[in-house]
Amino acid sequence: MKLYIAQNPETEDYEKKWQFCVGSCHASTLLRKDAVELLKRVHDELGIQRVRCHEIFNDDMGVATRFSQIFQAPMGENILEYNFYKVGLAYDNLLSAGMRPFVELSFMPEALAANPTRNFVYGSIPSMPKDLAKWREFMRAFLDYLFHRYGEEEVMQWYFEVWNEPDLPDVFNSGTLNDYFPFYEATARTIREYCPGLKVGGPASSCSSHIDVFVDFCEKNNVPLDFVSTHQYIGEPFIGVEKQVVPLSPEEMKAQQKAMQELRVR
């Protein structure tokens, strides 16, 4: 049997979507020399352009600290310091590897959390903020730091994703999905007000769930939304995501639309 191959076959460009971004686990690992060397190899050999990691705001990154967490002093609860030095080191390392951050805005620093209970393997706090105004102040300080350290031209090429899988209760969200929507709105408006050209999106849900309801909320309330993100899992079910039905049934859609209507009324 002979196989004949045309000498000048018609070709077309192939878009390697997988080169857009790769996950890199916990943010503090980006402070390690070996991790950065691996990411550089991933970039150089596979062409991966961006890195998304969990918990850039985790307490081991030291981003928000009340004085009372260090010393039990009078009025210590009223003294709150923001410090993004470790975040800067992590992002410096990414950039040195030829990659850019895909910024997952998570999880909640203890000093800002409504519920300080820690969860998951990294000891993170999956709580929404106890004060959205304080959260917006924190976000503005974060953006100030990024623009000062990297410049507007560089940061404009990054993506800002609000949270991670808020549809998984107790794992990545100690509240409900209805708590996430006003949180997303406050965060997205803060980012857009700070710099209209920055790209913000979400909901980073599991198994393509709740996308329709989320997009509907943003459209009806004129909330900034530049991209929609979600995750898929293969193989064994993961922490209950097998209960998610995609697409949602008519009954589920009605229940979620009712919940959204109640949210808008509040």
C-alpha atoms as a PDB file:
ATOM      1  CA  MET A   1       0.000   0.000   0.000  1.00  0.00           C
ATOM      2  CA  LYS A   2       1.355   3.363  -0.998  1.00  0.00           C
ATOM      3  CA  LEU A   3       0.395   6.684   0.560  1.00  0.00           C
ATOM      4  CA  TYR A   4       0.588   9.752  -1.636  1.00  0.00           C
ATOM      5  CA  ILE A   5       0.774  13.211  -0.043  1.00  0.00           C
ATOM      6  CA  ALA A   6       0.129  16.306  -2.090  1.00  0.00           C
ATOM      7  CA  GLN A   7       3.195  18.495  -2.417  1.00  0.00           C
ATOM      8  CA  ASN A   8       1.373  21.808  -2.121  1.00  0.00           C
ATOM      9  CA  PRO A   9      -1.760  21.162  -0.065  1.00  0.00           C
ATOM     10  CA  GLU A  10      -4.086  23.983   0.895  1.00  0.00           C
ATOM     11  CA  THR A  11      -3.410  25.170   4.444  1.00  0.00           C
ATOM     12  CA  GLU A  12      -5.174  27.314   6.989  1.00  0.00           C
ATOM     13  CA  ASP A  13      -4.102  28.961  10.221  1.00  0.00           C
ATOM     14  CA  TYR A  14      -4.661  26.986  13.422  1.00  0.00           C
ATOM     15  CA  GLU A  15      -5.518  29.034  16.496  1.00  0.00           C
ATOM     16  CA  LYS A  16      -3.853  27.471  19.531  1.00  0.00           C
ATOM     17  CA  LYS A  17      -6.363  28.602  22.137  1.00  0.00           C
ATOM     18  CA  TRP A  18      -4.608  26.651  24.880  1.00  0.00           C
ATOM     19  CA  GLN A  19      -1.668  29.040  24.621  1.00  0.00           C
ATOM     20  CA  PHE A  20      -3.756  31.884  26.041  1.00  0.00           C
ATOM     21  CA  CYS A  21      -3.397  30.940  29.716  1.00  0.00           C
ATOM     22  CA  VAL A  22      -2.366  28.201  32.141  1.00  0.00           C
ATOM     23  CA  GLY A  23      -3.205  27.690  35.821  1.00  0.00           C
ATOM     24  CA  SER A  24      -0.435  27.784  38.419  1.00  0.00           C
ATOM     25  CA  CYS A  25      -1.977  26.794  41.743  1.00  0.00           C
ATOM     26  CA  HIS A  26      -1.263  28.978  44.794  1.00  0.00           C
ATOM     27  CA  ALA A  27       0.061  32.537  44.384  1.00  0.00           C
ATOM     28  CA  SER A  28       2.896  32.172  46.886  1.00  0.00           C
ATOM     29  CA  THR A  29       4.491  29.412  44.779  1.00  0.00           C
ATOM     30  CA  LEU A  30       5.330  32.133  42.235  1.00  0.00           C
ATOM     31  CA  LEU A  31       7.842  33.445  44.775  1.00  0.00           C
ATOM     32  CA  ARG A  32       9.933  30.274  44.351  1.00  0.00           C
ATOM     33  CA  LYS A  33      12.878  30.077  41.963  1.00  0.00           C
ATOM     34  CA  ASP A  34      12.044  26.531  40.806  1.00  0.00           C
ATOM     35  CA  ALA A  35       8.442  27.458  39.982  1.00  0.00           C
ATOM     36  CA  VAL A  36       9.544  30.429  37.902  1.00  0.00           C
ATOM     37  CA  GLU A  37      12.038  28.259  36.015  1.00  0.00           C
ATOM     38  CA  LEU A  38       9.254  25.795  35.182  1.00  0.00           C
ATOM     39  CA  LEU A  39       6.965  28.592  33.993  1.00  0.00           C
ATOM     40  CA  LYS A  40       9.708  29.943  31.749  1.00  0.00           C
ATOM     41  CA  ARG A  41      10.035  26.500  30.193  1.00  0.00           C
ATOM     42  CA  VAL A  42       6.255  26.347  29.736  1.00  0.00           C
ATOM     43  CA  HIS A  43       6.390  29.708  27.976  1.00  0.00           C
ATOM     44  CA  ASP A  44       9.454  29.012  25.847  1.00  0.00           C
ATOM     45  CA  GLU A  45       8.515  25.480  24.731  1.00  0.00           C
ATOM     46  CA  LEU A  46       4.708  25.656  24.605  1.00  0.00           C
ATOM     47  CA  GLY A  47       4.081  29.342  23.951  1.00  0.00           C
ATOM     48  CA  ILE A  48       1.788  29.885  26.961  1.00  0.00           C
ATOM     49  CA  GLN A  49       1.153  33.609  27.323  1.00  0.00           C
ATOM     50  CA  ARG A  50      -0.485  34.106  30.739  1.00  0.00           C
ATOM     51  CA  VAL A  51      -0.701  32.548  34.190  1.00  0.00           C
ATOM     52  CA  ARG A  52      -3.762  32.377  36.438  1.00  0.00           C
ATOM     53  CA  CYS A  53      -3.185  31.529  40.093  1.00  0.00           C
ATOM     54  CA  HIS A  54      -5.420  31.316  43.158  1.00  0.00           C
ATOM     55  CA  GLU A  55      -5.243  33.563  46.205  1.00  0.00           C
ATOM     56  CA  ILE A  56      -3.182  36.566  45.258  1.00  0.00           C
ATOM     57  CA  PHE A  57      -4.932  38.198  48.246  1.00  0.00           C
ATOM     58  CA  ASN A  58      -4.419  35.288  50.650  1.00  0.00           C
ATOM     59  CA  ASP A  59      -3.060  36.307  54.057  1.00  0.00           C
ATOM     60  CA  ASP A  60       0.265  34.589  53.395  1.00  0.00           C
ATOM     61  CA  MET A  61       0.799  37.307  50.759  1.00  0.00           C
ATOM     62  CA  GLY A  62       0.433  39.975  53.463  1.00  0.00           C
ATOM     63  CA  VAL A  63      -1.801  42.309  51.441  1.00  0.00           C
ATOM     64  CA  ALA A  64      -4.044  43.636  54.238  1.00  0.00           C
ATOM     65  CA  THR A  65      -3.189  43.595  57.926  1.00  0.00           C
ATOM     66  CA  ARG A  66      -4.799  45.153  60.965  1.00  0.00           C
ATOM     67  CA  PHE A  67      -2.437  46.272  63.693  1.00  0.00           C
ATOM     68  CA  SER A  68      -4.373  44.098  66.136  1.00  0.00           C
ATOM     69  CA  GLN A  69      -3.335  40.997  64.157  1.00  0.00           C
ATOM     70  CA  ILE A  70       0.283  41.740  65.093  1.00  0.00           C
ATOM     71  CA  PHE A  71       0.008  43.400  68.516  1.00  0.00           C
ATOM     72  CA  GLN A  72      -2.937  43.425  70.900  1.00  0.00           C
ATOM     73  CA  ALA A  73      -2.914  47.166  71.323  1.00  0.00           C
ATOM     74  CA  PRO A  74      -5.747  49.631  72.039  1.00  0.00           C
ATOM     75  CA  MET A  75      -7.355  50.969  68.842  1.00  0.00           C
ATOM     76  CA  GLY A  76      -5.430  48.353  66.835  1.00  0.00           C
ATOM     77  CA  GLU A  77      -8.578  47.318  64.974  1.00  0.00           C
ATOM     78  CA  ASN A  78      -8.770  50.790  63.439  1.00  0.00           C
ATOM     79  CA  ILE A  79      -5.285  50.652  61.893  1.00  0.00           C
ATOM     80  CA  LEU A  80      -5.286  48.832  58.549  1.00  0.00           C
ATOM     81  CA  GLU A  81      -2.258  48.607  56.267  1.00  0.00           C
ATOM     82  CA  TYR A  82      -2.180  47.497  52.612  1.00  0.00           C
ATOM     83  CA  ASN A  83       1.063  45.979  51.383  1.00  0.00           C
ATOM     84  CA  PHE A  84       1.374  44.441  47.908  1.00  0.00           C
ATOM     85  CA  TYR A  85       5.123  43.828  48.007  1.00  0.00           C
ATOM     86  CA  LYS A  86       4.840  40.011  47.686  1.00  0.00           C
ATOM     87  CA  VAL A  87       2.299  40.392  44.888  1.00  0.00           C
ATOM     88  CA  GLY A  88       4.815  42.550  43.072  1.00  0.00           C
ATOM     89  CA  LEU A  89       7.536  39.918  43.495  1.00  0.00           C
ATOM     90  CA  ALA A  90       5.209  37.220  42.119  1.00  0.00           C
ATOM     91  CA  TYR A  91       4.257  39.327  39.100  1.00  0.00           C
ATOM     92  CA  ASP A  92       7.889  40.341  38.543  1.00  0.00           C
ATOM     93  CA  ASN A  93       8.735  36.650  38.337  1.00  0.00           C
ATOM     94  CA  LEU A  94       5.935  35.993  35.835  1.00  0.00           C
ATOM     95  CA  LEU A  95       7.063  38.837  33.623  1.00  0.00           C
ATOM     96  CA  SER A  96      10.673  37.674  33.806  1.00  0.00           C
ATOM     97  CA  ALA A  97       9.495  34.296  32.464  1.00  0.00           C
ATOM     98  CA  GLY A  98       7.949  36.059  29.466  1.00  0.00           C
ATOM     99  CA  MET A  99       4.352  35.690  30.716  1.00  0.00           C
ATOM    100  CA  ARG A 100       1.660  38.029  32.001  1.00  0.00           C
ATOM    101  CA  PRO A 101      -0.772  37.688  34.922  1.00  0.00           C
ATOM    102  CA  PHE A 102      -4.370  36.661  34.378  1.00  0.00           C
ATOM    103  CA  VAL A 103      -5.388  38.215  37.693  1.00  0.00           C
ATOM    104  CA  GLU A 104      -7.839  36.143  39.713  1.00  0.00           C
ATOM    105  CA  LEU A 105      -9.052  38.495  42.439  1.00  0.00           C
ATOM    106  CA  SER A 106      -9.188  36.087  45.360  1.00  0.00           C
ATOM    107  CA  PHE A 107      -9.528  35.243  48.176  1.00  0.00           C
ATOM    108  CA  MET A 108     -10.574  37.556  50.998  1.00  0.00           C
ATOM    109  CA  PRO A 109      -7.969  38.941  53.421  1.00  0.00           C
ATOM    110  CA  GLU A 110      -9.035  38.284  57.018  1.00  0.00           C
ATOM    111  CA  ALA A 111      -9.013  42.016  57.768  1.00  0.00           C
ATOM    112  CA  LEU A 112     -11.778  42.585  55.181  1.00  0.00           C
ATOM    113  CA  ALA A 113     -13.801  39.367  55.477  1.00  0.00           C
ATOM    114  CA  ALA A 114     -17.381  39.153  56.703  1.00  0.00           C
ATOM    115  CA  ASN A 115     -16.677  35.578  57.808  1.00  0.00           C
ATOM    116  CA  PRO A 116     -13.029  34.870  58.749  1.00  0.00           C
ATOM    117  CA  THR A 117     -13.440  31.072  58.657  1.00  0.00           C
ATOM    118  CA  ARG A 118     -10.646  29.481  56.651  1.00  0.00           C
ATOM    119  CA  ASN A 119     -11.184  26.680  54.172  1.00  0.00           C
ATOM    120  CA  PHE A 120      -9.650  24.530  51.470  1.00  0.00           C
ATOM    121  CA  VAL A 121      -6.076  23.298  51.342  1.00  0.00           C
ATOM    122  CA  TYR A 122      -4.431  26.748  51.311  1.00  0.00           C
ATOM    123  CA  GLY A 123      -6.139  28.069  54.425  1.00  0.00           C
ATOM    124  CA  SER A 124      -7.957  30.709  52.388  1.00  0.00           C
ATOM    125  CA  ILE A 125     -11.031  32.686  53.405  1.00  0.00           C
ATOM    126  CA  PRO A 126     -13.884  32.218  50.879  1.00  0.00           C
ATOM    127  CA  SER A 127     -15.951  35.056  52.352  1.00  0.00           C
ATOM    128  CA  MET A 128     -17.393  38.116  50.698  1.00  0.00           C
ATOM    129  CA  PRO A 129     -16.257  41.434  52.271  1.00  0.00           C
ATOM    130  CA  LYS A 130     -18.063  42.742  55.325  1.00  0.00           C
ATOM    131  CA  ASP A 131     -17.938  46.268  53.873  1.00  0.00           C
ATOM    132  CA  LEU A 132     -18.082  46.796  50.094  1.00  0.00           C
ATOM    133  CA  ALA A 133     -16.832  50.374  50.489  1.00  0.00           C
ATOM    134  CA  LYS A 134     -13.695  49.105  52.244  1.00  0.00           C
ATOM    135  CA  TRP A 135     -13.267  46.467  49.539  1.00  0.00           C
ATOM    136  CA  ARG A 136     -13.469  49.125  46.829  1.00  0.00           C
ATOM    137  CA  GLU A 137     -10.844  51.167  48.702  1.00  0.00           C
ATOM    138  CA  PHE A 138      -8.643  48.065  48.827  1.00  0.00           C
ATOM    139  CA  MET A 139      -9.090  47.475  45.085  1.00  0.00           C
ATOM    140  CA  ARG A 140      -8.137  51.072  44.279  1.00  0.00           C
ATOM    141  CA  ALA A 141      -4.993  50.686  46.388  1.00  0.00           C
ATOM    142  CA  PHE A 142      -4.177  47.459  44.512  1.00  0.00           C
ATOM    143  CA  LEU A 143      -4.585  49.159  41.136  1.00  0.00           C
ATOM    144  CA  ASP A 144      -2.518  52.133  42.320  1.00  0.00           C
ATOM    145  CA  TYR A 145       0.277  49.719  43.140  1.00  0.00           C
ATOM    146  CA  LEU A 146       0.097  47.893  39.801  1.00  0.00           C
ATOM    147  CA  PHE A 147       0.044  51.084  37.739  1.00  0.00           C
ATOM    148  CA  HIS A 148       2.925  52.572  39.735  1.00  0.00           C
ATOM    149  CA  ARG A 149       5.073  49.428  39.474  1.00  0.00           C
ATOM    150  CA  TYR A 150       4.305  48.315  35.911  1.00  0.00           C
ATOM    151  CA  GLY A 151       2.794  51.310  34.139  1.00  0.00           C
ATOM    152  CA  GLU A 152      -0.556  51.721  32.421  1.00  0.00           C
ATOM    153  CA  GLU A 153       0.580  50.318  29.070  1.00  0.00           C
ATOM    154  CA  GLU A 154       1.584  46.988  30.650  1.00  0.00           C
ATOM    155  CA  VAL A 155      -1.368  46.560  33.029  1.00  0.00           C
ATOM    156  CA  MET A 156      -3.830  47.342  30.233  1.00  0.00           C
ATOM    157  CA  GLN A 157      -2.796  44.009  28.694  1.00  0.00           C
ATOM    158  CA  TRP A 158      -3.826  42.025  31.787  1.00  0.00           C
ATOM    159  CA  TYR A 159      -7.211  40.450  32.555  1.00  0.00           C
ATOM    160  CA  PHE A 160      -8.957  40.907  35.919  1.00  0.00           C
ATOM    161  CA  GLU A 161     -11.235  38.036  36.906  1.00  0.00           C
ATOM    162  CA  VAL A 162     -13.488  38.519  39.929  1.00  0.00           C
ATOM    163  CA  TRP A 163     -13.189  35.535  42.296  1.00  0.00           C
ATOM    164  CA  ASN A 164     -13.119  31.791  41.639  1.00  0.00           C
ATOM    165  CA  GLU A 165     -16.128  29.446  41.444  1.00  0.00           C
ATOM    166  CA  PRO A 166     -18.571  31.412  43.621  1.00  0.00           C
ATOM    167  CA  ASP A 167     -21.195  28.786  42.752  1.00  0.00           C
ATOM    168  CA  LEU A 168     -19.476  26.208  45.008  1.00  0.00           C
ATOM    169  CA  PRO A 169     -20.775  27.001  48.527  1.00  0.00           C
ATOM    170  CA  ASP A 170     -18.448  26.593  51.528  1.00  0.00           C
ATOM    171  CA  VAL A 171     -15.526  25.710  49.238  1.00  0.00           C
ATOM    172  CA  PHE A 172     -14.930  29.003  47.410  1.00  0.00           C
ATOM    173  CA  ASN A 173     -17.893  31.052  48.644  1.00  0.00           C
ATOM    174  CA  SER A 174     -19.088  30.994  52.243  1.00  0.00           C
ATOM    175  CA  GLY A 175     -22.232  32.860  51.175  1.00  0.00           C
ATOM    176  CA  THR A 176     -24.568  32.306  48.239  1.00  0.00           C
ATOM    177  CA  LEU A 177     -24.403  33.089  44.554  1.00  0.00           C
ATOM    178  CA  ASN A 178     -26.674  36.070  45.227  1.00  0.00           C
ATOM    179  CA  ASP A 179     -23.930  37.485  47.461  1.00  0.00           C
ATOM    180  CA  TYR A 180     -21.493  37.263  44.565  1.00  0.00           C
ATOM    181  CA  PHE A 181     -23.438  39.455  42.127  1.00  0.00           C
ATOM    182  CA  PRO A 182     -23.240  42.732  44.126  1.00  0.00           C
ATOM    183  CA  PHE A 183     -19.624  41.877  44.937  1.00  0.00           C
ATOM    184  CA  TYR A 184     -18.846  41.475  41.244  1.00  0.00           C
ATOM    185  CA  GLU A 185     -20.664  44.718  40.451  1.00  0.00           C
ATOM    186  CA  ALA A 186     -18.740  46.705  43.076  1.00  0.00           C
ATOM    187  CA  THR A 187     -15.425  45.249  41.921  1.00  0.00           C
ATOM    188  CA  ALA A 188     -16.065  45.688  38.199  1.00  0.00           C
ATOM    189  CA  ARG A 189     -17.256  49.278  38.603  1.00  0.00           C
ATOM    190  CA  THR A 190     -14.197  50.112  40.717  1.00  0.00           C
ATOM    191  CA  ILE A 191     -11.863  48.703  38.068  1.00  0.00           C
ATOM    192  CA  ARG A 192     -13.656  50.451  35.213  1.00  0.00           C
ATOM    193  CA  GLU A 193     -13.787  53.769  37.083  1.00  0.00           C
ATOM    194  CA  TYR A 194     -10.074  53.538  37.822  1.00  0.00           C
ATOM    195  CA  CYS A 195      -9.161  52.923  34.196  1.00  0.00           C
ATOM    196  CA  PRO A 196     -11.868  52.515  31.509  1.00  0.00           C
ATOM    197  CA  GLY A 197      -9.634  50.338  29.346  1.00  0.00           C
ATOM    198  CA  LEU A 198      -8.983  47.576  31.890  1.00  0.00           C
ATOM    199  CA  LYS A 199     -10.562  44.183  31.119  1.00  0.00           C
ATOM    200  CA  VAL A 200     -12.779  42.713  33.860  1.00  0.00           C
ATOM    201  CA  GLY A 201     -14.951  39.601  33.893  1.00  0.00           C
ATOM    202  CA  GLY A 202     -16.247  36.509  35.676  1.00  0.00           C
ATOM    203  CA  PRO A 203     -17.938  34.548  37.140  1.00  0.00           C
ATOM    204  CA  ALA A 204     -15.265  31.793  36.902  1.00  0.00           C
ATOM    205  CA  SER A 205     -18.016  29.289  37.671  1.00  0.00           C
ATOM    206  CA  SER A 206     -17.697  25.512  37.651  1.00  0.00           C
ATOM    207  CA  CYS A 207     -18.936  23.418  34.711  1.00  0.00           C
ATOM    208  CA  SER A 208     -20.308  26.367  32.699  1.00  0.00           C
ATOM    209  CA  SER A 209     -22.976  26.920  35.340  1.00  0.00           C
ATOM    210  CA  HIS A 210     -24.888  30.157  35.965  1.00  0.00           C
ATOM    211  CA  ILE A 211     -23.476  31.911  32.902  1.00  0.00           C
ATOM    212  CA  ASP A 212     -26.878  32.980  31.557  1.00  0.00           C
ATOM    213  CA  VAL A 213     -27.995  34.414  34.889  1.00  0.00           C
ATOM    214  CA  PHE A 214     -24.696  36.223  35.399  1.00  0.00           C
ATOM    215  CA  VAL A 215     -24.681  37.792  31.927  1.00  0.00           C
ATOM    216  CA  ASP A 216     -28.342  38.745  32.359  1.00  0.00           C
ATOM    217  CA  PHE A 217     -27.530  40.498  35.641  1.00  0.00           C
ATOM    218  CA  CYS A 218     -24.691  42.472  34.026  1.00  0.00           C
ATOM    219  CA  GLU A 219     -26.770  43.473  31.001  1.00  0.00           C
ATOM    220  CA  LYS A 220     -29.818  44.564  32.995  1.00  0.00           C
ATOM    221  CA  ASN A 221     -27.758  46.569  35.487  1.00  0.00           C
ATOM    222  CA  ASN A 222     -25.208  47.927  32.999  1.00  0.00           C
ATOM    223  CA  VAL A 223     -22.362  46.280  34.907  1.00  0.00           C
ATOM    224  CA  PRO A 224     -18.974  46.157  33.120  1.00  0.00           C
ATOM    225  CA  LEU A 225     -18.267  42.734  31.579  1.00  0.00           C
ATOM    226  CA  ASP A 226     -15.462  42.264  29.050  1.00  0.00           C
ATOM    227  CA  PHE A 227     -15.167  38.479  29.169  1.00  0.00           C
ATOM    228  CA  VAL A 228     -16.995  35.468  30.592  1.00  0.00           C
ATOM    229  CA  SER A 229     -15.019  32.702  32.302  1.00  0.00           C
ATOM    230  CA  THR A 230     -15.926  29.218  33.515  1.00  0.00           C
ATOM    231  CA  HIS A 231     -14.268  25.855  34.241  1.00  0.00           C
ATOM    232  CA  GLN A 232     -14.828  22.297  33.134  1.00  0.00           C
ATOM    233  CA  TYR A 233     -13.745  19.110  34.885  1.00  0.00           C
ATOM    234  CA  ILE A 234     -13.164  15.717  33.328  1.00  0.00           C
ATOM    235  CA  GLY A 235     -13.105  12.320  34.963  1.00  0.00           C
ATOM    236  CA  GLU A 236     -14.473  11.890  38.474  1.00  0.00           C
ATOM    237  CA  PRO A 237     -16.981  14.445  39.846  1.00  0.00           C
ATOM    238  CA  PHE A 238     -15.298  17.187  41.838  1.00  0.00           C
ATOM    239  CA  ILE A 239     -16.724  18.511  45.152  1.00  0.00           C
ATOM    240  CA  GLY A 240     -20.310  18.265  44.040  1.00  0.00           C
ATOM    241  CA  VAL A 241     -20.172  19.787  40.583  1.00  0.00           C
ATOM    242  CA  GLU A 242     -21.929  16.720  39.214  1.00  0.00           C
ATOM    243  CA  LYS A 243     -25.097  18.246  40.650  1.00  0.00           C
ATOM    244  CA  GLN A 244     -24.832  21.148  38.224  1.00  0.00           C
ATOM    245  CA  VAL A 245     -26.964  20.648  35.128  1.00  0.00           C
ATOM    246  CA  VAL A 246     -25.894  22.378  31.935  1.00  0.00           C
ATOM    247  CA  PRO A 247     -27.949  23.850  30.469  1.00  0.00           C
ATOM    248  CA  LEU A 248     -30.159  24.700  33.438  1.00  0.00           C
ATOM    249  CA  SER A 249     -33.646  23.247  33.526  1.00  0.00           C
ATOM    250  CA  PRO A 250     -36.635  25.622  33.113  1.00  0.00           C
ATOM    251  CA  GLU A 251     -37.415  25.234  36.828  1.00  0.00           C
ATOM    252  CA  GLU A 252     -33.852  26.144  37.817  1.00  0.00           C
ATOM    253  CA  MET A 253     -33.889  29.114  35.483  1.00  0.00           C
ATOM    254  CA  LYS A 254     -37.154  30.400  37.003  1.00  0.00           C
ATOM    255  CA  ALA A 255     -35.793  29.985  40.530  1.00  0.00           C
ATOM    256  CA  GLN A 256     -32.614  31.871  39.694  1.00  0.00           C
ATOM    257  CA  GLN A 257     -34.488  34.614  37.836  1.00  0.00           C
ATOM    258  CA  LYS A 258     -36.733  35.039  40.897  1.00  0.00           C
ATOM    259  CA  ALA A 259     -33.643  35.265  43.116  1.00  0.00           C
ATOM    260  CA  MET A 260     -32.143  37.880  40.815  1.00  0.00           C
ATOM    261  CA  GLN A 261     -35.355  39.896  40.857  1.00  0.00           C
ATOM    262  CA  GLU A 262     -35.316  39.851  44.671  1.00  0.00           C
ATOM    263  CA  LEU A 263     -31.687  40.972  44.582  1.00  0.00           C
ATOM    264  CA  ARG A 264     -32.525  43.925  42.330  1.00  0.00           C
ATOM    265  CA  VAL A 265     -35.424  44.915  44.591  1.00  0.00           C
ATOM    266  CA  ARG A 266     -33.122  44.961  47.627  1.00  0.00           C
END
